[in-house]
N, C-alpha and C. Protein backbone atom coordinates (compact mmCIF):
# COMPACT_ATOMS: atom_id res chain seq x y z
N MET A 1 1.61 50.67 354.65
CA MET A 1 2.31 51.00 355.46
C MET A 1 2.97 49.74 356.57
N THR A 2 3.86 49.90 357.11
CA THR A 2 4.58 48.75 357.69
C THR A 2 4.78 49.11 359.55
N THR A 3 4.17 48.14 360.28
CA THR A 3 4.69 48.78 361.12
C THR A 3 5.01 47.28 362.63
N ALA A 4 5.62 47.73 363.72
CA ALA A 4 6.22 46.15 364.51
C ALA A 4 6.40 47.28 365.77
N GLU A 5 5.65 46.67 366.77
CA GLU A 5 5.90 46.95 368.21
C GLU A 5 7.11 45.94 369.12
N VAL A 6 7.62 46.19 370.25
CA VAL A 6 8.81 45.78 370.42
C VAL A 6 8.92 46.91 371.70
N GLU A 7 9.22 46.25 373.13
CA GLU A 7 9.67 46.15 374.07
C GLU A 7 11.01 47.38 374.10
N VAL A 8 11.39 48.09 375.33
CA VAL A 8 12.48 48.96 375.22
C VAL A 8 12.69 48.15 376.67
N ARG A 9 14.34 47.83 376.42
CA ARG A 9 14.90 46.93 376.86
C ARG A 9 16.11 47.72 377.89
N ASN A 10 16.62 49.21 376.94
CA ASN A 10 17.87 49.74 378.09
C ASN A 10 18.07 50.38 379.30
N PRO A 11 18.51 50.81 379.83
CA PRO A 11 18.23 50.86 380.94
C PRO A 11 17.72 52.47 381.31
N SER A 12 17.71 53.48 380.59
CA SER A 12 17.42 54.85 380.12
C SER A 12 15.98 54.55 379.13
N GLY A 13 16.19 53.67 378.51
CA GLY A 13 15.01 54.00 377.50
C GLY A 13 15.72 55.12 376.10
N LEU A 14 14.32 55.90 375.54
CA LEU A 14 14.86 56.25 374.70
C LEU A 14 15.00 58.09 375.38
N HIS A 15 16.18 57.96 376.16
CA HIS A 15 16.43 58.93 376.29
C HIS A 15 17.92 59.86 375.97
N ALA A 16 17.86 61.18 375.56
CA ALA A 16 19.40 61.46 375.15
C ALA A 16 20.12 60.98 374.01
N ARG A 17 20.98 59.81 374.69
CA ARG A 17 22.22 59.25 373.34
C ARG A 17 21.43 58.44 373.06
N PRO A 18 21.02 57.48 373.97
CA PRO A 18 20.01 56.30 372.57
C PRO A 18 18.75 57.04 371.82
N ALA A 19 18.48 57.87 371.89
CA ALA A 19 17.31 58.28 371.40
C ALA A 19 18.04 59.38 369.67
N ALA A 20 18.45 59.85 370.38
CA ALA A 20 19.84 60.49 369.10
C ALA A 20 20.55 58.91 368.62
N GLU A 21 20.78 58.15 368.71
CA GLU A 21 21.54 56.63 368.11
C GLU A 21 20.06 56.29 366.86
N PHE A 22 18.94 56.38 368.01
CA PHE A 22 17.71 55.76 367.14
C PHE A 22 16.87 56.57 365.84
N VAL A 23 17.34 58.42 366.12
CA VAL A 23 17.00 59.48 365.05
C VAL A 23 17.91 59.26 364.05
N ARG A 24 19.48 58.53 364.02
CA ARG A 24 20.15 59.03 362.99
C ARG A 24 19.98 57.83 362.39
N ALA A 25 19.53 56.53 362.95
CA ALA A 25 19.05 55.16 362.20
C ALA A 25 18.06 55.20 360.77
N ALA A 26 17.18 56.22 362.29
CA ALA A 26 15.69 56.69 361.27
C ALA A 26 15.95 57.45 360.33
N ALA A 27 17.03 58.11 359.77
CA ALA A 27 17.06 59.21 358.83
C ALA A 27 17.91 58.42 357.64
N ARG A 28 18.56 57.39 357.54
CA ARG A 28 18.96 56.73 357.20
C ARG A 28 17.86 56.50 355.62
N PHE A 29 16.43 56.47 356.03
CA PHE A 29 15.51 56.17 355.19
C PHE A 29 14.04 57.07 354.84
N LYS A 30 14.39 56.81 353.08
CA LYS A 30 13.26 57.98 353.09
C LYS A 30 11.94 57.94 353.34
N SER A 31 11.02 56.96 354.31
CA SER A 31 10.20 57.42 353.89
C SER A 31 9.99 57.21 356.33
N ARG A 32 8.30 57.91 355.46
CA ARG A 32 8.15 59.10 356.96
C ARG A 32 8.02 58.04 357.74
N ILE A 33 8.76 58.18 359.55
CA ILE A 33 9.02 56.85 359.98
C ILE A 33 8.43 57.79 361.41
N ARG A 34 7.01 57.05 362.30
CA ARG A 34 6.69 57.48 363.25
C ARG A 34 7.13 56.92 364.92
N VAL A 35 7.56 57.03 366.13
CA VAL A 35 7.19 56.15 367.04
C VAL A 35 5.75 56.44 368.11
N GLU A 36 5.68 55.20 368.13
CA GLU A 36 4.46 55.95 369.03
C GLU A 36 5.35 55.40 370.68
N ASN A 37 4.59 55.72 371.51
CA ASN A 37 4.62 54.66 372.93
C ASN A 37 3.50 54.50 373.40
N LEU A 38 3.25 52.85 373.50
CA LEU A 38 1.49 52.81 373.42
C LEU A 38 1.99 52.22 375.52
N THR A 39 2.34 52.13 375.62
CA THR A 39 2.72 52.34 377.44
C THR A 39 2.57 53.37 378.12
N ALA A 40 2.71 54.60 377.77
CA ALA A 40 1.89 55.69 378.25
C ALA A 40 1.16 56.45 377.20
N GLY A 41 0.33 55.37 376.02
CA GLY A 41 -0.58 56.27 375.54
C GLY A 41 0.01 58.01 374.56
N ARG A 42 0.68 57.94 374.50
CA ARG A 42 0.92 59.25 374.09
C ARG A 42 1.24 59.35 372.90
N PRO A 43 0.90 60.50 372.16
CA PRO A 43 0.71 60.98 370.80
C PRO A 43 2.18 60.29 369.94
N ALA A 44 2.12 59.33 368.44
CA ALA A 44 3.34 59.15 368.26
C ALA A 44 4.30 60.29 367.35
N GLY A 45 5.27 60.30 367.58
CA GLY A 45 6.80 61.31 367.01
C GLY A 45 7.35 61.42 366.02
N GLU A 46 7.95 62.14 365.12
CA GLU A 46 8.76 62.00 364.32
C GLU A 46 9.75 61.47 364.18
N ALA A 47 10.27 60.24 364.11
CA ALA A 47 11.18 59.28 364.68
C ALA A 47 12.96 60.03 363.69
N LYS A 48 12.57 61.15 363.01
CA LYS A 48 13.96 61.06 362.19
C LYS A 48 14.12 63.01 363.42
N SER A 49 13.19 62.84 364.04
CA SER A 49 13.47 64.53 365.33
C SER A 49 13.09 63.41 366.04
N ILE A 50 14.61 64.29 367.54
CA ILE A 50 15.44 64.43 368.61
C ILE A 50 14.39 64.22 369.57
N LEU A 51 13.17 65.53 369.53
CA LEU A 51 12.18 65.96 369.99
C LEU A 51 10.72 65.24 369.99
N GLY A 52 10.85 64.95 368.89
CA GLY A 52 9.64 64.29 368.11
C GLY A 52 9.57 62.70 369.13
N VAL A 53 11.33 62.50 369.50
CA VAL A 53 11.11 60.98 370.15
C VAL A 53 11.62 61.08 371.42
N LEU A 54 12.02 62.23 372.05
CA LEU A 54 11.96 62.20 373.69
C LEU A 54 10.69 62.85 373.95
N ALA A 55 9.48 63.15 373.06
CA ALA A 55 7.91 63.48 373.05
C ALA A 55 7.48 62.48 373.88
N CYS A 56 8.12 61.16 373.16
CA CYS A 56 7.32 60.63 373.07
C CYS A 56 7.61 59.49 375.01
N GLY A 57 8.25 59.93 375.86
CA GLY A 57 8.81 59.55 376.52
C GLY A 57 9.23 58.36 377.27
N VAL A 58 9.75 57.68 376.42
CA VAL A 58 9.80 56.24 376.29
C VAL A 58 10.08 55.95 377.63
N LEU A 59 10.41 55.08 378.16
CA LEU A 59 11.41 54.50 379.21
C LEU A 59 11.35 53.00 378.90
N LYS A 60 12.33 52.59 380.17
CA LYS A 60 12.89 51.04 380.08
C LYS A 60 11.36 50.33 379.95
N GLY A 61 10.83 49.04 379.38
CA GLY A 61 10.16 48.46 379.62
C GLY A 61 8.69 48.62 379.23
N HIS A 62 8.87 49.50 378.39
CA HIS A 62 6.98 51.02 377.35
C HIS A 62 7.49 49.61 375.48
N ARG A 63 6.48 49.73 376.22
CA ARG A 63 6.27 49.23 374.08
C ARG A 63 6.04 50.35 373.42
N VAL A 64 6.41 50.23 372.84
CA VAL A 64 6.47 51.06 371.16
C VAL A 64 6.22 50.79 369.80
N ARG A 65 5.42 51.45 368.99
CA ARG A 65 5.01 51.26 367.35
C ARG A 65 5.60 51.60 367.38
N ILE A 66 6.63 51.21 365.56
CA ILE A 66 7.86 51.89 364.82
C ILE A 66 6.32 51.57 363.16
N SER A 67 5.96 52.26 362.77
CA SER A 67 5.54 52.62 362.03
C SER A 67 6.61 53.85 360.60
N ALA A 68 6.30 52.68 359.61
CA ALA A 68 6.67 53.99 358.02
C ALA A 68 5.83 53.96 357.08
N GLU A 69 5.86 54.50 356.61
CA GLU A 69 5.49 54.61 355.30
C GLU A 69 6.03 55.74 354.23
N GLY A 70 5.93 54.91 352.99
CA GLY A 70 6.80 55.34 352.18
C GLY A 70 7.88 54.12 350.89
N GLU A 71 9.09 54.17 349.89
CA GLU A 71 9.01 53.41 348.82
C GLU A 71 10.26 52.85 349.97
N ASP A 72 10.93 52.58 351.76
CA ASP A 72 11.80 51.75 351.95
C ASP A 72 11.20 51.22 352.99
N GLU A 73 9.76 51.86 353.48
CA GLU A 73 9.15 51.27 354.84
C GLU A 73 9.16 49.75 354.91
N THR A 74 9.02 48.90 354.54
CA THR A 74 9.72 46.94 354.55
C THR A 74 11.52 47.46 355.17
N ALA A 75 12.22 48.08 355.27
CA ALA A 75 13.41 48.00 355.80
C ALA A 75 14.13 48.67 356.08
N ALA A 76 13.01 49.58 356.70
CA ALA A 76 13.02 50.72 357.79
C ALA A 76 13.30 49.96 358.99
N VAL A 77 11.60 49.76 359.32
CA VAL A 77 10.85 48.56 360.30
C VAL A 77 12.36 48.07 360.89
N PRO A 78 12.09 46.77 359.90
CA PRO A 78 13.04 45.61 361.11
C PRO A 78 14.68 46.52 362.03
N VAL A 79 14.91 47.37 360.48
CA VAL A 79 16.16 47.60 361.40
C VAL A 79 16.49 48.70 362.42
N LEU A 80 15.29 49.09 362.92
CA LEU A 80 15.05 50.28 363.92
C LEU A 80 14.05 49.00 364.69
N VAL A 81 13.96 47.57 364.93
CA VAL A 81 13.54 47.26 365.75
C VAL A 81 14.79 46.65 366.61
N ALA A 82 15.29 45.84 365.44
CA ALA A 82 16.23 45.78 365.59
C ALA A 82 17.69 46.46 366.68
N LEU A 83 17.23 47.44 365.75
CA LEU A 83 18.05 48.35 367.32
C LEU A 83 17.67 49.11 368.38
N ILE A 84 16.48 48.68 368.92
CA ILE A 84 16.03 49.08 369.35
C ILE A 84 16.36 47.51 370.44
N GLU A 85 15.77 46.81 370.10
CA GLU A 85 16.43 44.86 370.97
C GLU A 85 17.85 45.25 371.56
N SER A 86 18.59 46.03 370.76
CA SER A 86 20.07 45.52 370.70
C SER A 86 20.58 46.17 372.03
N GLY A 87 19.17 46.71 372.53
CA GLY A 87 19.46 48.36 373.61
C GLY A 87 20.11 49.04 373.20
N LEU A 88 20.08 49.96 371.75
CA LEU A 88 20.51 51.11 371.58
C LEU A 88 21.94 51.91 372.11
N GLY A 89 23.03 50.44 371.45
CA GLY A 89 24.37 50.86 372.23
C GLY A 89 23.93 50.54 373.93
N GLU A 90 23.30 50.27 374.22
CA GLU A 90 23.53 50.82 376.51
C GLU A 90 23.56 48.88 376.62
N PRO A 91 24.32 48.61 377.28
CA PRO A 91 24.24 47.47 378.11
C PRO A 91 22.90 47.00 378.61
N LEU A 92 22.20 46.08 378.37
CA LEU A 92 20.73 45.28 378.51
C LEU A 92 21.00 44.27 379.53
N GLY A 93 21.60 45.11 380.91
CA GLY A 93 21.81 44.63 382.18
C GLY A 93 19.85 43.93 382.52
N GLY A 94 20.68 43.16 383.58
CA GLY A 94 19.43 42.13 383.99
C GLY A 94 18.24 42.58 384.00
């Protein structure tokens, strides 16, 4: 299993459009991928499911753990971390 932690910096967190962007990226990989909101202490959700991601309730400033298990896990986690760090397509204002 490969894991990484990252802080969500975009203004709307992992809601609606950014969550959909995250799910689309996760779906490109064969591994089982989960996202867990460490800040809120919520259970991990399936990263390939929009409902799984939204249920994590990730807001700006929350830390999340991304974990992947499977044949492409070492490729999946850095891609998803970079996507979150980039703001999921949203401006990262001050």
